[in-house]
Amino acid sequence: MPVRVPPFRGVIPFFWTELRVQLHESTAIYTSMIIQVVLLVFVRILDPALLGVALVGALIFSVFALGQRVQNEAAFVRIDHKLNELYLASPLSPEGYFLGMALGVLVAYLGPIAVLAGVAEWVLRLGALSWGTLLLVAGAVWVFSSSIGYIVSTLFKDMRTIWPYASLFYNLFGVLPPVFYPLAFFPVALRPVALMMPPSAAAALVQTTIDPGWLTTDQVVLAAVALGLEAALVFLFAVYWARRTVRES
């Protein structure tokens, strides 16, 4: 039976554990920007005027894709090494395990994201409002994607199954909606749907601080409320799910 511990106990110690593990996977960190760079090159060649839009999208996608890293790491620890049972038998809360892992992945991959942010600043010369909005929405996207990643990781029993599904989900929702391209290119009837998807909502909110005519007031409210609610609700469910799966193990 799992040890009963205070909520979120062990977040910081497990964060440092996970960070050390992630930093040993230097190849994965160095190659984490391949999709973003390829898409940016295509945009630069096909329509240089959209490079700024694509750079913002690349930053949001980079944070969104961290959920896939959390999903693969949580599944690998549970399925291949079965270390989660050892971790959760210690005075480490289930949600502390989940959040510490997500934070470790985030910090490990901040280097490539910071380089991309430097390129975005060089090209776009973002103001304080744009940077503040970017940090807020990127944080919400990270909470959402990491929570989804951890939840989904508990549903698989085979690593060969989880990898293709993870890639499909994160690339589908991070590339097909208007993240790397303007919302105006998306079908009018589907724009509210796009603004309720965390990656495209976040990208649109940042773009509207760069170009105030990017979204209407109603669209700004829809994107902001949807992103905030989805991040909060999915995170709360991930905390609940982490505790429940421990009780059932």
Protein backbone atom coordinates (compact mmCIF):
# COMPACT_ATOMS: atom_id res chain seq x y z
CA MET A 1 0.00 0.00 0.00
CA PRO A 2 1.39 3.47 -0.89
CA VAL A 3 2.73 5.61 1.91
CA ARG A 4 0.38 8.49 2.76
CA VAL A 5 2.29 11.73 2.37
CA PRO A 6 1.37 15.44 2.22
CA PRO A 7 0.25 16.79 -1.19
CA PHE A 8 3.07 17.62 -3.62
CA ARG A 9 5.70 16.32 -1.25
CA GLY A 10 9.00 15.56 -2.98
CA VAL A 11 8.53 17.80 -6.02
CA ILE A 12 11.92 19.50 -5.69
CA PRO A 13 14.03 16.38 -4.93
CA PHE A 14 12.44 14.47 -7.79
CA PHE A 15 12.86 17.47 -10.08
CA TRP A 16 16.62 17.35 -9.51
CA THR A 17 16.62 13.57 -10.06
CA GLU A 18 14.73 13.89 -13.33
CA LEU A 19 16.83 16.83 -14.49
CA ARG A 20 20.04 14.80 -14.10
CA VAL A 21 18.47 11.94 -16.06
CA GLN A 22 17.33 14.24 -18.87
CA LEU A 23 20.69 16.02 -19.15
CA HIS A 24 22.34 12.67 -19.88
CA GLU A 25 20.15 12.41 -23.01
CA SER A 26 22.03 15.13 -24.87
CA THR A 27 21.17 13.78 -28.32
CA ALA A 28 17.45 14.13 -27.64
CA ILE A 29 17.95 17.69 -26.40
CA TYR A 30 20.09 18.71 -29.39
CA THR A 31 17.60 17.22 -31.88
CA SER A 32 14.46 18.54 -30.20
CA MET A 33 14.24 21.46 -32.66
CA ILE A 34 14.37 19.48 -35.92
CA ILE A 35 10.67 19.83 -36.75
CA GLN A 36 10.64 23.52 -35.86
CA VAL A 37 13.76 24.29 -37.93
CA VAL A 38 12.45 22.38 -40.96
CA LEU A 39 9.14 24.25 -40.85
CA LEU A 40 10.88 27.60 -40.39
CA VAL A 41 13.10 26.92 -43.40
CA PHE A 42 10.07 26.08 -45.52
CA VAL A 43 8.29 29.25 -44.41
CA ARG A 44 11.40 31.34 -45.07
CA ILE A 45 11.61 29.97 -48.61
CA LEU A 46 7.91 29.98 -49.50
CA ASP A 47 6.74 33.20 -47.79
CA PRO A 48 9.33 35.21 -45.85
CA ALA A 49 6.61 37.62 -44.66
CA LEU A 50 5.24 34.85 -42.42
CA LEU A 51 8.57 34.07 -40.74
CA GLY A 52 7.63 36.07 -37.63
CA VAL A 53 4.36 34.16 -37.28
CA ALA A 54 6.20 30.87 -37.71
CA LEU A 55 8.80 31.82 -35.09
CA VAL A 56 6.10 32.47 -32.49
CA GLY A 57 4.48 29.19 -33.48
CA ALA A 58 7.80 27.38 -33.17
CA LEU A 59 8.22 28.63 -29.60
CA ILE A 60 4.71 27.51 -28.64
CA PHE A 61 5.16 24.15 -30.37
CA SER A 62 8.49 23.59 -28.58
CA VAL A 63 6.77 23.97 -25.21
CA PHE A 64 3.78 21.89 -26.31
CA ALA A 65 6.06 19.06 -27.45
CA LEU A 66 7.50 18.75 -23.93
CA GLY A 67 4.33 16.87 -23.07
CA GLN A 68 5.49 14.10 -25.37
CA ARG A 69 8.81 13.97 -23.50
CA VAL A 70 6.93 13.65 -20.20
CA GLN A 71 4.70 10.96 -21.66
CA ASN A 72 7.60 8.89 -22.98
CA GLU A 73 9.66 9.33 -19.81
CA ALA A 74 6.80 8.39 -17.47
CA ALA A 75 5.95 5.34 -19.58
CA PHE A 76 9.61 4.30 -19.84
CA VAL A 77 10.13 4.51 -16.08
CA ARG A 78 6.90 2.58 -15.42
CA ILE A 79 6.99 -0.04 -18.18
CA ASP A 80 10.67 -0.77 -18.84
CA HIS A 81 12.31 -0.04 -15.49
CA LYS A 82 9.30 -0.34 -13.16
CA LEU A 83 10.95 2.29 -10.99
CA ASN A 84 7.73 4.19 -10.40
CA GLU A 85 6.73 1.56 -7.83
CA LEU A 86 9.97 2.19 -5.95
CA TYR A 87 9.56 5.97 -6.15
CA LEU A 88 5.94 5.91 -5.03
CA ALA A 89 6.65 3.54 -2.15
CA SER A 90 8.90 6.26 -0.72
CA PRO A 91 7.74 9.49 0.98
CA LEU A 92 7.09 10.97 -2.47
CA SER A 93 3.54 11.98 -3.30
CA PRO A 94 2.08 10.78 -6.64
CA GLU A 95 1.51 14.36 -7.79
CA GLY A 96 5.03 15.28 -6.60
CA TYR A 97 6.35 12.49 -8.83
CA PHE A 98 4.37 13.77 -11.83
CA LEU A 99 5.18 17.45 -11.31
CA GLY A 100 8.85 16.85 -10.48
CA MET A 101 9.23 14.84 -13.68
CA ALA A 102 7.51 17.52 -15.77
CA LEU A 103 9.68 20.28 -14.28
CA GLY A 104 12.84 18.27 -14.87
CA VAL A 105 11.95 17.80 -18.54
CA LEU A 106 11.10 21.50 -18.87
CA VAL A 107 14.39 22.78 -17.45
CA ALA A 108 16.45 20.26 -19.43
CA TYR A 109 14.98 21.51 -22.71
CA LEU A 110 15.09 25.23 -21.89
CA GLY A 111 18.42 25.65 -23.71
CA PRO A 112 17.14 25.00 -27.25
CA ILE A 113 13.96 26.94 -26.50
CA ALA A 114 16.03 29.91 -25.28
CA VAL A 115 18.07 29.87 -28.52
CA LEU A 116 14.84 29.91 -30.53
CA ALA A 117 13.54 32.75 -28.35
CA GLY A 118 16.73 34.69 -29.10
CA VAL A 119 16.15 34.28 -32.83
CA ALA A 120 12.53 35.41 -32.40
CA GLU A 121 13.69 38.53 -30.54
CA TRP A 122 16.28 39.28 -33.22
CA VAL A 123 13.68 39.01 -36.00
CA LEU A 124 10.59 40.46 -34.28
CA ARG A 125 11.94 42.85 -31.62
CA LEU A 126 9.20 41.88 -29.21
CA GLY A 127 8.02 44.35 -26.61
CA ALA A 128 7.37 43.77 -22.91
CA LEU A 129 3.68 42.99 -23.49
CA SER A 130 4.49 40.36 -26.11
CA TRP A 131 7.14 38.70 -23.93
CA GLY A 132 4.83 38.75 -20.90
CA THR A 133 2.01 37.22 -22.91
CA LEU A 134 4.36 34.64 -24.41
CA LEU A 135 5.58 33.54 -20.98
CA LEU A 136 2.04 33.27 -19.61
CA VAL A 137 0.56 31.32 -22.51
CA ALA A 138 3.64 29.12 -22.85
CA GLY A 139 3.32 28.25 -19.16
CA ALA A 140 -0.33 27.32 -19.67
CA VAL A 141 0.53 25.20 -22.72
CA TRP A 142 3.28 23.43 -20.75
CA VAL A 143 0.89 22.65 -17.89
CA PHE A 144 -1.70 21.31 -20.33
CA SER A 145 0.65 19.20 -22.46
CA SER A 146 2.64 17.79 -19.53
CA SER A 147 -0.56 16.83 -17.73
CA ILE A 148 -1.94 15.14 -20.84
CA GLY A 149 1.36 13.38 -21.37
CA TYR A 150 1.45 11.96 -17.85
CA ILE A 151 -2.19 10.84 -17.96
CA VAL A 152 -1.79 9.09 -21.31
CA SER A 153 1.45 7.42 -20.19
CA THR A 154 -0.51 5.40 -17.61
CA LEU A 155 -2.85 3.95 -20.26
CA PHE A 156 -0.27 1.92 -22.20
CA LYS A 157 1.52 -1.30 -21.38
CA ASP A 158 3.96 -1.39 -24.30
CA MET A 159 6.54 1.25 -25.25
CA ARG A 160 6.31 0.25 -28.92
CA THR A 161 2.68 1.30 -28.86
CA ILE A 162 3.03 4.58 -27.00
CA TRP A 163 5.70 6.20 -29.21
CA PRO A 164 3.72 6.35 -32.48
CA TYR A 165 0.55 7.54 -30.74
CA ALA A 166 2.49 10.21 -28.85
CA SER A 167 4.12 11.53 -32.02
CA LEU A 168 0.80 11.55 -33.87
CA PHE A 169 -1.03 13.44 -31.11
CA TYR A 170 1.54 16.15 -30.47
CA ASN A 171 2.38 16.73 -34.13
CA LEU A 172 -1.29 16.69 -35.15
CA PHE A 173 -2.40 19.29 -32.60
CA GLY A 174 0.82 21.28 -32.70
CA VAL A 175 1.27 21.64 -36.47
CA LEU A 176 -2.06 21.30 -38.31
CA PRO A 177 -3.97 24.06 -36.43
CA PRO A 178 -2.88 27.68 -37.01
CA VAL A 179 0.27 27.63 -34.90
CA PHE A 180 2.94 28.12 -37.58
CA TYR A 181 0.62 30.10 -39.85
CA PRO A 182 -2.00 32.85 -39.38
CA LEU A 183 -5.49 32.16 -38.07
CA ALA A 184 -6.80 33.98 -41.14
CA PHE A 185 -5.66 31.03 -43.29
CA PHE A 186 -7.89 28.65 -41.30
CA PRO A 187 -11.52 28.00 -42.42
CA VAL A 188 -13.80 30.65 -40.90
CA ALA A 189 -16.25 28.12 -39.46
CA LEU A 190 -13.44 26.28 -37.66
CA ARG A 191 -11.65 29.28 -36.18
CA PRO A 192 -13.47 29.05 -32.81
CA VAL A 193 -12.34 25.43 -32.63
CA ALA A 194 -8.75 26.47 -33.34
CA LEU A 195 -8.94 29.12 -30.61
CA MET A 196 -10.01 26.45 -28.12
CA MET A 197 -6.93 24.31 -28.85
CA PRO A 198 -4.09 25.29 -26.46
CA PRO A 199 -1.23 25.59 -29.00
CA SER A 200 -3.16 27.64 -31.56
CA ALA A 201 -4.87 29.72 -28.85
CA ALA A 202 -1.49 30.56 -27.32
CA ALA A 203 0.06 31.46 -30.68
CA ALA A 204 -2.91 33.69 -31.57
CA LEU A 205 -2.77 35.52 -28.23
CA VAL A 206 0.92 36.32 -28.69
CA GLN A 207 0.37 37.42 -32.27
CA THR A 208 -2.39 39.82 -31.24
CA THR A 209 0.09 41.65 -28.99
CA ILE A 210 2.39 42.08 -32.01
CA ASP A 211 -0.43 43.00 -34.41
CA PRO A 212 -3.45 44.38 -32.48
CA GLY A 213 -5.78 43.61 -35.39
CA TRP A 214 -4.92 39.90 -35.35
CA LEU A 215 -7.96 38.89 -33.25
CA THR A 216 -11.28 40.47 -32.38
CA THR A 217 -12.08 41.14 -28.72
CA ASP A 218 -14.40 38.12 -28.62
CA GLN A 219 -11.69 35.91 -30.07
CA VAL A 220 -9.15 37.13 -27.51
CA VAL A 221 -11.58 36.33 -24.68
CA LEU A 222 -12.37 32.90 -26.17
CA ALA A 223 -8.71 31.97 -26.60
CA ALA A 224 -7.64 33.23 -23.17
CA VAL A 225 -10.51 31.63 -21.26
CA ALA A 226 -10.23 28.34 -23.13
CA LEU A 227 -6.47 28.12 -22.60
CA GLY A 228 -6.66 28.98 -18.91
CA LEU A 229 -9.54 26.61 -18.18
CA GLU A 230 -8.08 23.72 -20.14
CA ALA A 231 -4.70 24.05 -18.45
CA ALA A 232 -6.23 24.25 -14.96
CA LEU A 233 -8.76 21.46 -15.43
CA VAL A 234 -6.36 19.04 -17.09
CA PHE A 235 -3.72 19.69 -14.41
CA LEU A 236 -6.24 19.05 -11.63
CA PHE A 237 -7.32 15.85 -13.35
CA ALA A 238 -3.68 14.77 -13.71
CA VAL A 239 -3.19 15.25 -9.96
CA TYR A 240 -6.34 13.23 -9.28
CA TRP A 241 -5.31 10.57 -11.80
CA ALA A 242 -1.81 10.26 -10.32
CA ARG A 243 -3.30 9.59 -6.88
CA ARG A 244 -5.91 7.19 -8.23
CA THR A 245 -3.48 5.07 -10.25
CA VAL A 246 -1.27 4.69 -7.17
CA ARG A 247 -4.22 3.53 -5.08
CA GLU A 248 -5.17 0.97 -7.74
CA SER A 249 -1.63 -0.38 -8.16
